[in-house]
């Protein structure tokens, strides 16, 4: 040891801090167990894995073994006892039930550090729940891909045979010499072949072998149009609602007829789960991809959630719910292809789908689609300009939006500067930003500074109720609150004209 005791202790503290941070990053807890006294010590990360705040309770062997899943406890106790007896601890995998009731999968290993005297064992507990979840998703994806390939091949060949059957049935049906019994048989053949044709189409949809007519569709408008049909389908005992989270249309590139059929399939599944009635909710919103989602980080995606409060599904059923021909319904009441075809469609559109369900509570199917990039191609020649309204007060933002929309402008909205930056990146055609000054997270002047360095920054028009010296130095316009609709429209017209002159 060199230097003063203070320096040595500082180095020790830094090493302990680094070790604690490393354990937290990889979700690895460590422990030391005196097998003679049964005393045990463990790291802060062990508390977190068990569901406790660090150092809020005294570590004990009883506390640890009490957290082990009841189905795994006897096995883990047997492994631990054998490790003590042989002085050679064995690795073991098991489940822990945390204080909040959630289940975590862990891998534990140990090693003897003191053979003479009281036996002491050190070990680690690694939380492998996320790794197991990722592996399970990958396995399901590979399984569904293999099933889809098989289903597509079968459906393709079967459709060729159906073509022959239907063609010959039509020829025979036109034969006037057939008696009534023969005619009836041919009609039955035609009906059965038609049903088989629908099944093959659903199989091809699951296998992503269908040709989709892609067009720019507003998911919200599609759901609104589908609600009356869905209500008729599910019956009067089920209430159908559309929850629109956030303003504006939500555009995706999709086949409208196929997407509408997917909604009907999901509604049928929900109806069958709510035999005693209930509520079927369609939620439409837009989200930014999180780092753990299978999408480009920061990319906007359209989410369509179809939720019911029916009987729900067990984990085993959830695991197989999108497989073709898998159904929990009685024989003759379902083909097992409805949800499979929805899965195939969403995949073919470049999206993703997953289901959350709990028995006795209900199910929620989450559909995510890439949001259609707005390059202005859908706008007609009568649009007067492209404006982003940034205001944290919903009432004011709505008034400004409606006034500009009625006047012929294309309008986007943001609640603060941070959201506005994302909108400007997504919609580069914005010519004018009409922004409040004082907003949470990022003010209007901070927003101005954030976009000013861009290649073609938009013009700014600030809305403010009090004089603000900070904006007088900026190359921007000012609209004093309260303002009339005429003043707003004149200011917007002038500043868009100015923006176009500069460009």
Protein backbone atom coordinates (compact mmCIF):
# COMPACT_ATOMS: atom_id res chain seq x y z
CA UNK A 1 0.00 0.00 0.00
CA UNK A 2 1.40 3.40 -0.93
CA UNK A 3 0.41 6.91 -0.08
CA UNK A 4 -1.82 8.02 2.76
CA UNK A 5 -4.68 5.99 4.12
CA UNK A 6 -7.07 8.54 2.63
CA UNK A 7 -5.82 7.88 -0.91
CA UNK A 8 -6.07 4.10 -0.40
CA UNK A 9 -9.62 4.39 0.88
CA UNK A 10 -10.54 6.63 -2.08
CA UNK A 11 -9.27 3.99 -4.50
CA UNK A 12 -11.20 1.27 -2.66
CA UNK A 13 -14.38 3.35 -2.75
CA UNK A 14 -13.97 3.98 -6.48
CA UNK A 15 -13.50 0.28 -7.17
CA UNK A 16 -16.59 -0.59 -5.14
CA UNK A 17 -18.56 2.04 -7.02
CA UNK A 18 -17.37 0.70 -10.39
CA UNK A 19 -18.25 -2.85 -9.33
CA UNK A 20 -21.72 -1.78 -8.19
CA UNK A 21 -22.34 0.07 -11.47
CA UNK A 22 -21.14 -2.90 -13.51
CA UNK A 23 -23.44 -5.25 -11.59
CA UNK A 24 -26.38 -2.90 -12.16
CA UNK A 25 -25.69 -2.64 -15.90
CA UNK A 26 -25.64 -6.40 -16.46
CA UNK A 27 -28.24 -7.21 -13.74
CA UNK A 28 -25.76 -9.39 -11.84
CA UNK A 29 -26.05 -9.65 -8.06
CA UNK A 30 -23.31 -11.09 -5.83
CA UNK A 31 -23.43 -12.73 -2.39
CA UNK A 32 -21.32 -14.43 0.31
CA UNK A 33 -22.73 -17.19 2.52
CA UNK A 34 -21.28 -18.55 5.78
CA UNK A 35 -22.78 -22.05 5.77
CA UNK A 36 -22.00 -22.63 9.45
CA UNK A 37 -23.67 -19.51 10.89
CA UNK A 38 -26.09 -19.18 7.92
CA UNK A 39 -25.17 -15.49 7.72
CA UNK A 40 -25.33 -14.03 4.22
CA UNK A 41 -24.33 -10.72 2.65
CA UNK A 42 -25.22 -9.52 -0.80
CA UNK A 43 -24.76 -6.57 -3.14
CA UNK A 44 -27.21 -3.78 -3.92
CA UNK A 45 -28.08 -5.43 -7.23
CA UNK A 46 -29.29 -8.52 -5.36
CA UNK A 47 -31.86 -6.30 -3.65
CA UNK A 48 -33.05 -5.00 -7.05
CA UNK A 49 -33.29 -8.49 -8.54
CA UNK A 50 -35.46 -9.54 -5.59
CA UNK A 51 -37.58 -6.40 -5.95
CA UNK A 52 -36.35 -4.43 -2.92
CA UNK A 53 -34.83 -0.99 -2.64
CA UNK A 54 -31.14 -1.34 -1.85
CA UNK A 55 -30.36 -2.02 1.83
CA UNK A 56 -33.96 -1.68 3.02
CA UNK A 57 -34.07 -5.10 4.64
CA UNK A 58 -31.61 -7.45 6.28
CA UNK A 59 -30.25 -10.15 3.92
CA UNK A 60 -31.01 -13.69 5.02
CA UNK A 61 -31.01 -17.18 3.59
CA UNK A 62 -34.71 -17.47 4.49
CA UNK A 63 -35.52 -14.28 2.59
CA UNK A 64 -33.72 -15.53 -0.51
CA UNK A 65 -35.17 -19.05 -0.55
CA UNK A 66 -38.60 -17.58 0.24
CA UNK A 67 -38.42 -15.59 -3.01
CA UNK A 68 -37.83 -18.68 -5.15
CA UNK A 69 -40.83 -19.80 -7.18
CA UNK A 70 -42.66 -22.56 -5.27
CA UNK A 71 -42.29 -24.96 -8.20
CA UNK A 72 -38.49 -24.47 -8.21
CA UNK A 73 -37.67 -24.14 -4.52
CA UNK A 74 -37.19 -27.83 -3.65
CA UNK A 75 -34.86 -28.32 -6.60
CA UNK A 76 -32.74 -25.28 -5.71
CA UNK A 77 -32.55 -26.31 -2.04
CA UNK A 78 -31.38 -29.77 -3.11
CA UNK A 79 -28.66 -28.27 -5.35
CA UNK A 80 -27.54 -25.93 -2.55
CA UNK A 81 -27.37 -28.76 0.02
CA UNK A 82 -25.38 -30.93 -2.35
CA UNK A 83 -22.97 -28.07 -3.04
CA UNK A 84 -22.33 -27.63 0.70
CA UNK A 85 -21.86 -31.37 1.24
CA UNK A 86 -19.45 -31.82 -1.66
CA UNK A 87 -17.85 -28.37 -1.30
CA UNK A 88 -18.45 -28.00 -5.06
CA UNK A 89 -21.43 -25.68 -5.75
CA UNK A 90 -23.31 -26.37 -8.97
CA UNK A 91 -24.83 -23.79 -11.35
CA UNK A 92 -28.63 -23.73 -11.34
CA UNK A 93 -31.40 -21.93 -13.24
CA UNK A 94 -34.68 -21.06 -11.57
CA UNK A 95 -37.41 -18.45 -11.17
CA UNK A 96 -37.75 -15.76 -8.52
CA UNK A 97 -41.03 -14.15 -7.48
CA UNK A 98 -40.31 -10.48 -6.77
CA UNK A 99 -42.05 -8.37 -4.15
CA UNK A 100 -44.37 -6.91 -6.81
CA UNK A 101 -45.45 -10.40 -7.90
CA UNK A 102 -43.54 -10.42 -11.19
CA UNK A 103 -41.47 -13.45 -12.16
CA UNK A 104 -37.80 -13.20 -13.10
CA UNK A 105 -35.63 -15.95 -14.56
CA UNK A 106 -32.14 -16.15 -13.02
CA UNK A 107 -28.92 -18.15 -13.32
CA UNK A 108 -26.92 -18.73 -10.12
CA UNK A 109 -23.35 -19.92 -9.71
CA UNK A 110 -21.12 -20.27 -6.64
CA UNK A 111 -17.57 -21.08 -5.57
CA UNK A 112 -15.94 -22.02 -2.27
CA UNK A 113 -13.58 -19.34 -0.91
CA UNK A 114 -12.73 -20.88 2.47
CA UNK A 115 -12.25 -24.62 2.96
CA UNK A 116 -10.69 -24.51 6.47
CA UNK A 117 -13.03 -23.61 9.27
CA UNK A 118 -16.54 -22.41 8.49
CA UNK A 119 -17.35 -23.09 4.83
CA UNK A 120 -17.89 -19.84 2.96
CA UNK A 121 -19.30 -19.69 -0.53
CA UNK A 122 -19.45 -16.69 -2.82
CA UNK A 123 -21.73 -16.57 -5.80
CA UNK A 124 -23.62 -14.56 -8.37
CA UNK A 125 -27.24 -14.35 -9.46
CA UNK A 126 -27.69 -13.18 -13.05
CA UNK A 127 -31.12 -11.95 -14.18
CA UNK A 128 -31.57 -13.57 -17.60
CA UNK A 129 -35.24 -12.66 -18.08
CA UNK A 130 -34.64 -10.28 -20.98
CA UNK A 131 -32.30 -12.69 -22.76
CA UNK A 132 -34.89 -15.46 -22.44
CA UNK A 133 -37.60 -13.14 -23.78
CA UNK A 134 -35.48 -12.17 -26.80
CA UNK A 135 -34.63 -15.82 -27.48
CA UNK A 136 -38.32 -16.77 -27.23
CA UNK A 137 -39.30 -14.00 -29.67
CA UNK A 138 -36.61 -15.13 -32.10
CA UNK A 139 -37.75 -18.74 -31.84
CA UNK A 140 -41.38 -17.73 -32.41
CA UNK A 141 -40.36 -15.60 -35.39
CA UNK A 142 -38.40 -18.45 -36.96
CA UNK A 143 -41.24 -20.86 -36.26
CA UNK A 144 -43.83 -18.55 -37.82
CA UNK A 145 -41.57 -18.00 -40.84
CA UNK A 146 -41.22 -21.75 -41.36
CA UNK A 147 -44.97 -22.31 -40.95
CA UNK A 148 -45.65 -19.43 -43.34
CA UNK A 149 -43.39 -20.91 -45.99
CA UNK A 150 -45.11 -24.28 -45.66
CA UNK A 151 -48.58 -22.75 -45.66
CA UNK A 152 -47.79 -20.61 -48.69
CA UNK A 153 -46.56 -23.58 -50.68
CA UNK A 154 -49.61 -25.67 -49.81
CA UNK A 155 -52.02 -22.83 -50.55
CA UNK A 156 -50.36 -22.12 -53.90
CA UNK A 157 -50.69 -25.72 -55.10
CA UNK A 158 -54.16 -26.13 -53.61
CA UNK A 159 -55.43 -23.02 -55.41
CA UNK A 160 -54.36 -24.58 -58.71
CA UNK A 161 -56.38 -27.71 -57.94
CA UNK A 162 -59.36 -25.57 -56.92
CA UNK A 163 -59.14 -23.76 -60.24
CA UNK A 164 -59.59 -27.08 -62.04
CA UNK A 165 -62.42 -28.21 -59.73
CA UNK A 166 -64.36 -24.96 -60.12
CA UNK A 167 -63.85 -24.86 -63.88
CA UNK A 168 -65.21 -28.38 -64.36
CA UNK A 169 -68.07 -27.70 -61.93
CA UNK A 170 -69.12 -24.69 -64.02
CA UNK A 171 -68.99 -26.76 -67.21
CA UNK A 172 -71.12 -29.49 -65.64
CA UNK A 173 -73.58 -26.99 -64.21
CA UNK A 174 -74.32 -25.81 -67.75
CA UNK A 175 -75.28 -29.27 -68.94
CA UNK A 176 -79.09 -29.28 -69.44
CA UNK A 177 -79.30 -33.09 -69.43
CA UNK A 178 -78.39 -33.38 -65.71
CA UNK A 179 -81.19 -34.26 -63.35
CA UNK A 180 -82.05 -32.24 -60.23
CA UNK A 181 -80.01 -34.46 -57.92
CA UNK A 182 -76.86 -34.05 -60.05
CA UNK A 183 -77.42 -30.29 -60.26
CA UNK A 184 -77.73 -30.12 -56.47
CA UNK A 185 -74.47 -32.07 -56.05
CA UNK A 186 -72.65 -29.71 -58.42
CA UNK A 187 -73.94 -26.71 -56.46
CA UNK A 188 -72.63 -28.23 -53.23
CA UNK A 189 -69.25 -28.84 -54.89
CA UNK A 190 -69.13 -25.22 -56.03
CA UNK A 191 -70.03 -23.87 -52.57
CA UNK A 192 -67.44 -26.08 -50.84
CA UNK A 193 -64.77 -25.15 -53.37
CA UNK A 194 -65.57 -21.47 -52.82
CA UNK A 195 -65.02 -21.88 -49.09
CA UNK A 196 -61.73 -23.63 -49.76
CA UNK A 197 -60.74 -20.74 -52.01
CA UNK A 198 -61.30 -18.30 -49.13
CA UNK A 199 -59.19 -20.47 -46.85
CA UNK A 200 -56.33 -20.51 -49.36
CA UNK A 201 -56.51 -16.73 -49.64
CA UNK A 202 -56.19 -16.44 -45.86
CA UNK A 203 -53.27 -18.87 -45.91
CA UNK A 204 -51.56 -16.84 -48.62
CA UNK A 205 -52.14 -13.70 -46.56
CA UNK A 206 -50.48 -15.33 -43.55
CA UNK A 207 -47.58 -16.47 -45.74
CA UNK A 208 -47.27 -12.92 -47.15
CA UNK A 209 -47.79 -14.19 -50.70
CA UNK A 210 -50.70 -11.88 -51.59
CA UNK A 211 -50.32 -8.80 -53.77
CA UNK A 212 -51.29 -5.67 -51.85
CA UNK A 213 -52.47 -2.42 -53.35
CA UNK A 214 -50.50 0.07 -51.30
CA UNK A 215 -51.88 3.55 -50.88
CA UNK A 216 -51.71 6.33 -48.34
CA UNK A 217 -54.39 5.59 -45.72
CA UNK A 218 -55.45 7.51 -42.64
CA UNK A 219 -55.82 4.74 -40.03
CA UNK A 220 -58.09 6.90 -37.89
CA UNK A 221 -60.48 7.58 -40.76
CA UNK A 222 -60.45 3.88 -41.65
CA UNK A 223 -61.39 2.90 -38.09
CA UNK A 224 -64.15 5.54 -38.01
CA UNK A 225 -65.62 4.13 -41.23
CA UNK A 226 -65.36 0.57 -39.91
CA UNK A 227 -67.05 1.23 -36.54
CA UNK A 228 -70.67 0.84 -37.84
CA UNK A 229 -69.75 -2.46 -39.56
CA UNK A 230 -67.95 -3.68 -36.44
CA UNK A 231 -70.94 -2.75 -34.26
CA UNK A 232 -73.24 -4.78 -36.49
CA UNK A 233 -70.78 -7.69 -36.42
CA UNK A 234 -70.35 -7.86 -32.63
CA UNK A 235 -73.97 -7.20 -31.69
CA UNK A 236 -75.77 -4.85 -29.34
CA UNK A 237 -74.38 -6.36 -26.10
CA UNK A 238 -70.89 -5.08 -26.96
CA UNK A 239 -70.09 -1.37 -26.96
CA UNK A 240 -67.59 -0.28 -29.64
CA UNK A 241 -65.51 2.86 -29.07
CA UNK A 242 -62.67 4.63 -30.87
CA UNK A 243 -60.13 6.27 -28.55
CA UNK A 244 -58.02 8.81 -30.46
CA UNK A 245 -54.86 9.58 -28.51
CA UNK A 246 -53.32 12.80 -29.83
CA UNK A 247 -54.49 15.07 -32.66
CA UNK A 248 -54.46 14.76 -36.42
CA UNK A 249 -54.63 12.02 -39.05
CA UNK A 250 -52.32 8.98 -38.87
CA UNK A 251 -51.14 7.96 -42.34
CA UNK A 252 -49.59 4.63 -43.31
CA UNK A 253 -48.93 2.86 -46.62
CA UNK A 254 -51.36 -0.07 -46.74
CA UNK A 255 -54.02 -1.96 -48.66
CA UNK A 256 -57.31 -0.51 -47.41
CA UNK A 257 -59.49 -3.55 -48.09
CA UNK A 258 -57.02 -5.93 -46.45
CA UNK A 259 -56.58 -3.70 -43.40
CA UNK A 260 -60.35 -3.36 -43.00
CA UNK A 261 -60.68 -7.16 -43.15
CA UNK A 262 -57.99 -7.43 -40.46
CA UNK A 263 -60.06 -5.15 -38.22
CA UNK A 264 -63.08 -7.39 -38.79
CA UNK A 265 -61.05 -10.49 -37.90
CA UNK A 266 -59.85 -8.86 -34.67
CA UNK A 267 -63.39 -7.72 -33.88
CA UNK A 268 -64.71 -11.26 -34.43
CA UNK A 269 -62.06 -12.63 -32.07
CA UNK A 270 -63.05 -10.03 -29.45
CA UNK A 271 -66.75 -10.79 -29.87
CA UNK A 272 -66.16 -14.49 -29.25
CA UNK A 273 -64.22 -13.59 -26.08
CA UNK A 274 -67.07 -11.43 -24.71
CA UNK A 275 -70.01 -13.83 -24.71
CA UNK A 276 -71.66 -11.86 -21.91
CA UNK A 277 -71.11 -8.47 -23.53
CA UNK A 278 -68.49 -5.83 -22.83
CA UNK A 279 -66.50 -3.06 -24.49
CA UNK A 280 -64.39 -3.28 -27.64
CA UNK A 281 -61.94 -0.38 -27.89
CA UNK A 282 -59.93 0.72 -30.93
CA UNK A 283 -57.06 3.00 -29.85
CA UNK A 284 -55.13 4.92 -32.52
CA UNK A 285 -52.02 6.89 -31.68
CA UNK A 286 -48.50 7.69 -32.86
CA UNK A 287 -45.37 6.84 -30.89
CA UNK A 288 -41.66 7.26 -31.25
CA UNK A 289 -39.73 4.00 -31.29
CA UNK A 290 -37.93 3.14 -28.05
CA UNK A 291 -34.42 1.65 -28.16
CA UNK A 292 -35.76 -1.86 -27.38
CA UNK A 293 -38.37 -1.89 -30.15
CA UNK A 294 -37.73 -3.53 -33.52
CA UNK A 295 -37.71 -0.22 -35.36
CA UNK A 296 -35.24 2.53 -36.11
CA UNK A 297 -34.70 4.45 -32.90
CA UNK A 298 -36.55 7.76 -32.96
CA UNK A 299 -38.71 6.77 -35.95
CA UNK A 300 -42.41 7.55 -35.66
CA UNK A 301 -44.85 4.67 -35.95
CA UNK A 302 -48.62 4.41 -36.00
CA UNK A 303 -50.13 2.19 -33.31
CA UNK A 304 -53.53 0.56 -33.58
CA UNK A 305 -54.61 -1.27 -30.43
CA UNK A 306 -57.71 -3.47 -30.40
CA UNK A 307 -58.71 -4.17 -26.79
CA UNK A 308 -61.52 -6.18 -25.24
CA UNK A 309 -62.53 -7.00 -21.66
CA UNK A 310 -63.49 -10.58 -22.39
CA UNK A 311 -62.32 -13.92 -21.01
CA UNK A 312 -58.67 -13.41 -21.91
CA UNK A 313 -56.13 -16.08 -22.82
CA UNK A 314 -53.64 -18.22 -20.95
CA UNK A 315 -49.90 -17.81 -21.66
CA UNK A 316 -49.96 -21.11 -23.55
CA UNK A 317 -52.70 -19.84 -25.89
CA UNK A 318 -50.98 -16.46 -26.37
CA UNK A 319 -47.85 -18.35 -27.43
CA UNK A 320 -49.70 -19.96 -30.37
CA UNK A 321 -52.49 -17.49 -31.12
CA UNK A 322 -51.14 -16.45 -34.56
CA UNK A 323 -50.45 -19.97 -35.81
CA UNK A 324 -52.64 -21.03 -38.75
CA UNK A 325 -55.37 -23.57 -37.93
CA UNK A 326 -54.79 -23.12 -34.18
CA UNK A 327 -58.08 -22.36 -32.45
CA UNK A 328 -59.61 -22.81 -29.01
CA UNK A 329 -63.14 -22.74 -30.41
CA UNK A 330 -65.37 -25.76 -30.74
CA UNK A 331 -65.13 -27.82 -33.91
CA UNK A 332 -66.86 -26.07 -36.80
CA UNK A 333 -66.89 -22.63 -35.14
CA UNK A 334 -63.59 -21.33 -36.47
CA UNK A 335 -60.94 -22.00 -39.12
CA UNK A 336 -57.99 -20.82 -37.04
CA UNK A 337 -56.91 -18.51 -39.87
CA UNK A 338 -58.40 -15.16 -38.83
CA UNK A 339 -55.57 -14.04 -36.55
CA UNK A 340 -52.98 -15.79 -38.73
CA UNK A 341 -54.04 -13.67 -41.71
CA UNK A 342 -53.84 -10.50 -39.56
CA UNK A 343 -50.31 -11.48 -38.56
CA UNK A 344 -49.33 -12.01 -42.19
CA UNK A 345 -50.81 -8.70 -43.33
CA UNK A 346 -49.07 -6.66 -40.62
CA UNK A 347 -45.75 -8.35 -41.41
CA UNK A 348 -46.19 -7.74 -45.14
CA UNK A 349 -46.80 -4.05 -44.47
CA UNK A 350 -43.49 -3.81 -42.60
CA UNK A 351 -45.16 -3.62 -39.20
CA UNK A 352 -45.29 -5.75 -36.07
CA UNK A 353 -48.03 -7.26 -33.93
CA UNK A 354 -48.13 -8.70 -30.44
CA UNK A 355 -50.84 -9.52 -27.93
CA UNK A 356 -51.15 -8.93 -24.20
CA UNK A 357 -53.76 -10.99 -22.40
CA UNK A 358 -54.78 -12.07 -18.92
CA UNK A 359 -57.38 -14.66 -18.13
CA UNK A 360 -60.56 -13.10 -16.76
CA UNK A 361 -59.37 -9.58 -17.67
CA UNK A 362 -59.25 -9.40 -21.46
CA UNK A 363 -56.86 -9.07 -24.40
CA UNK A 364 -55.18 -6.26 -26.31
CA UNK A 365 -53.75 -6.73 -29.80
CA UNK A 366 -51.05 -4.14 -30.54
CA UNK A 367 -50.46 -3.40 -34.25
CA UNK A 368 -47.58 -1.11 -35.19
CA UNK A 369 -47.01 0.30 -38.70
CA UNK A 370 -44.33 2.61 -40.12
CA UNK A 371 -45.77 6.08 -40.38
CA UNK A 372 -46.04 7.32 -43.97
CA UNK A 373 -43.42 9.96 -44.74
CA UNK A 374 -45.09 13.21 -45.69
CA UNK A 375 -43.24 14.50 -48.76
CA UNK A 376 -46.12 16.73 -49.83
CA UNK A 377 -47.10 14.44 -52.68
CA UNK A 378 -50.63 14.10 -51.31
CA UNK A 379 -51.17 17.86 -51.21
CA UNK A 380 -53.01 19.54 -54.02
CA UNK A 381 -52.14 22.79 -55.78
CA UNK A 382 -54.57 24.80 -53.63
CA UNK A 383 -52.58 24.49 -50.39
CA UNK A 384 -51.52 28.03 -49.42
CA UNK A 385 -48.57 26.98 -47.26
CA UNK A 386 -47.15 24.57 -44.73
CA UNK A 387 -47.29 25.60 -41.07
CA UNK A 388 -46.27 24.03 -37.76
CA UNK A 389 -48.18 25.33 -34.72
CA UNK A 390 -46.28 24.95 -31.43
CA UNK A 391 -48.29 25.71 -28.29
CA UNK A 392 -48.64 23.85 -24.98
CA UNK A 393 -52.17 25.17 -24.33
CA UNK A 394 -54.55 22.80 -26.16
CA UNK A 395 -57.33 25.39 -26.53
CA UNK A 396 -55.08 28.02 -28.13
CA UNK A 397 -53.34 25.49 -30.35
CA UNK A 398 -56.69 24.18 -31.53
CA UNK A 399 -57.99 27.67 -32.39
CA UNK A 400 -54.88 28.53 -34.40
CA UNK A 401 -54.91 25.16 -36.15
CA UNK A 402 -58.57 25.40 -37.13
CA UNK A 403 -58.23 28.96 -38.41
CA UNK A 404 -55.24 28.08 -40.61
CA UNK A 405 -56.80 24.83 -41.79
CA UNK A 406 -59.99 26.58 -42.89
CA UNK A 407 -57.92 29.22 -44.67
CA UNK A 408 -56.27 26.56 -46.84
CA UNK A 409 -52.98 25.94 -45.05
CA UNK A 410 -51.53 22.51 -44.33
CA UNK A 411 -51.06 22.43 -40.54
CA UNK A 412 -49.09 20.23 -38.15
CA UNK A 413 -49.08 20.53 -34.37
CA UNK A 414 -46.63 20.20 -31.47
CA UNK A 415 -47.10 20.71 -27.73
CA UNK A 416 -43.60 22.05 -27.03
CA UNK A 417 -40.20 22.68 -28.59
CA UNK A 418 -38.95 19.14 -28.13
CA UNK A 419 -41.93 17.70 -29.99
CA UNK A 420 -41.57 20.43 -32.63
CA UNK A 421 -37.97 19.41 -33.42
CA UNK A 422 -39.17 15.87 -34.13
CA UNK A 423 -42.05 17.17 -36.28
CA UNK A 424 -39.71 19.36 -38.34
CA UNK A 425 -37.44 16.39 -38.98
CA UNK A 426 -40.44 14.33 -40.06
CA UNK A 427 -42.10 17.03 -42.18
CA UNK A 428 -39.35 19.02 -43.96
CA UNK A 429 -41.88 20.97 -46.07
CA UNK A 430 -42.81 23.22 -43.13
CA UNK A 431 -42.28 26.84 -44.22
CA UNK A 432 -43.41 28.67 -41.09
CA UNK A 433 -43.35 27.83 -37.40
CA UNK A 434 -46.02 29.65 -35.37
CA UNK A 435 -44.79 29.20 -31.82
CA UNK A 436 -45.49 30.25 -28.27
CA UNK A 437 -42.52 31.56 -26.26
CA UNK A 438 -42.98 29.99 -22.82
CA UNK A 439 -43.38 26.20 -22.98
CA UNK A 440 -42.22 23.20 -20.92
CA UNK A 441 -39.11 21.18 -21.86
CA UNK A 442 -38.01 23.58 -24.64
CA UNK A 443 -39.06 27.23 -25.05
CA UNK A 444 -39.82 28.96 -28.33
CA UNK A 445 -36.46 30.74 -28.43
CA UNK A 446 -34.63 27.49 -27.68
CA UNK A 447 -36.56 25.87 -30.52
CA UNK A 448 -35.51 28.71 -32.83
CA UNK A 449 -31.85 28.18 -31.90
CA UNK A 450 -32.17 24.41 -32.34
CA UNK A 451 -33.35 24.64 -35.97
CA UNK A 452 -31.58 27.84 -37.06
CA UNK A 453 -28.45 25.97 -38.13
CA UNK A 454 -30.30 23.75 -40.58
CA UNK A 455 -29.79 23.94 -44.34
CA UNK A 456 -33.22 25.53 -44.97
CA UNK A 457 -34.66 26.57 -41.62
CA UNK A 458 -38.33 27.62 -41.60
CA UNK A 459 -39.47 31.15 -40.82
CA UNK A 460 -40.65 31.79 -37.23
CA UNK A 461 -43.68 33.73 -36.01
CA UNK A 462 -43.77 34.00 -32.21
CA UNK A 463 -47.03 34.36 -30.27
CA UNK A 464 -46.57 36.22 -26.98
CA UNK A 465 -48.67 38.11 -24.49
CA UNK A 466 -45.86 40.27 -23.05
CA UNK A 467 -42.90 42.04 -24.67
CA UNK A 468 -39.84 39.80 -24.69
CA UNK A 469 -36.47 41.46 -25.44
CA UNK A 470 -34.92 38.08 -26.26
CA UNK A 471 -36.97 37.71 -29.46
CA UNK A 472 -36.32 41.21 -30.73
CA UNK A 473 -32.77 40.17 -31.62
CA UNK A 474 -34.00 37.16 -33.63
CA UNK A 475 -34.89 37.11 -37.32
CA UNK A 476 -38.51 36.28 -36.55
CA UNK A 477 -41.95 37.83 -36.47
CA UNK A 478 -44.05 38.61 -33.40
CA UNK A 479 -47.83 38.29 -33.00
CA UNK A 480 -49.10 39.89 -29.79
CA UNK A 481 -51.74 38.06 -27.77
CA UNK A 482 -54.68 38.42 -27.80
CA UNK A 483 -54.92 38.55 -31.60
CA UNK A 484 -57.86 38.23 -33.96
CA UNK A 485 -58.23 35.57 -36.62
CA UNK A 486 -57.71 38.20 -39.31
CA UNK A 487 -54.45 39.33 -37.66
CA UNK A 488 -53.26 35.73 -37.46
CA UNK A 489 -54.03 34.99 -41.12
CA UNK A 490 -52.39 38.21 -42.31
CA UNK A 491 -49.24 37.57 -40.28
CA UNK A 492 -48.99 33.98 -41.52
CA UNK A 493 -49.49 35.06 -45.14
CA UNK A 494 -46.81 37.77 -44.85
CA UNK A 495 -44.23 35.54 -43.18
CA UNK A 496 -44.73 32.63 -45.59
CA UNK A 497 -44.23 35.06 -48.46
CA UNK A 498 -41.06 36.29 -46.76
CA UNK A 499 -39.86 32.70 -46.24
CA UNK A 500 -40.36 31.90 -49.93
CA UNK A 501 -38.44 35.01 -50.98
CA UNK A 502 -35.49 33.92 -48.84
CA UNK A 503 -35.52 30.44 -50.35
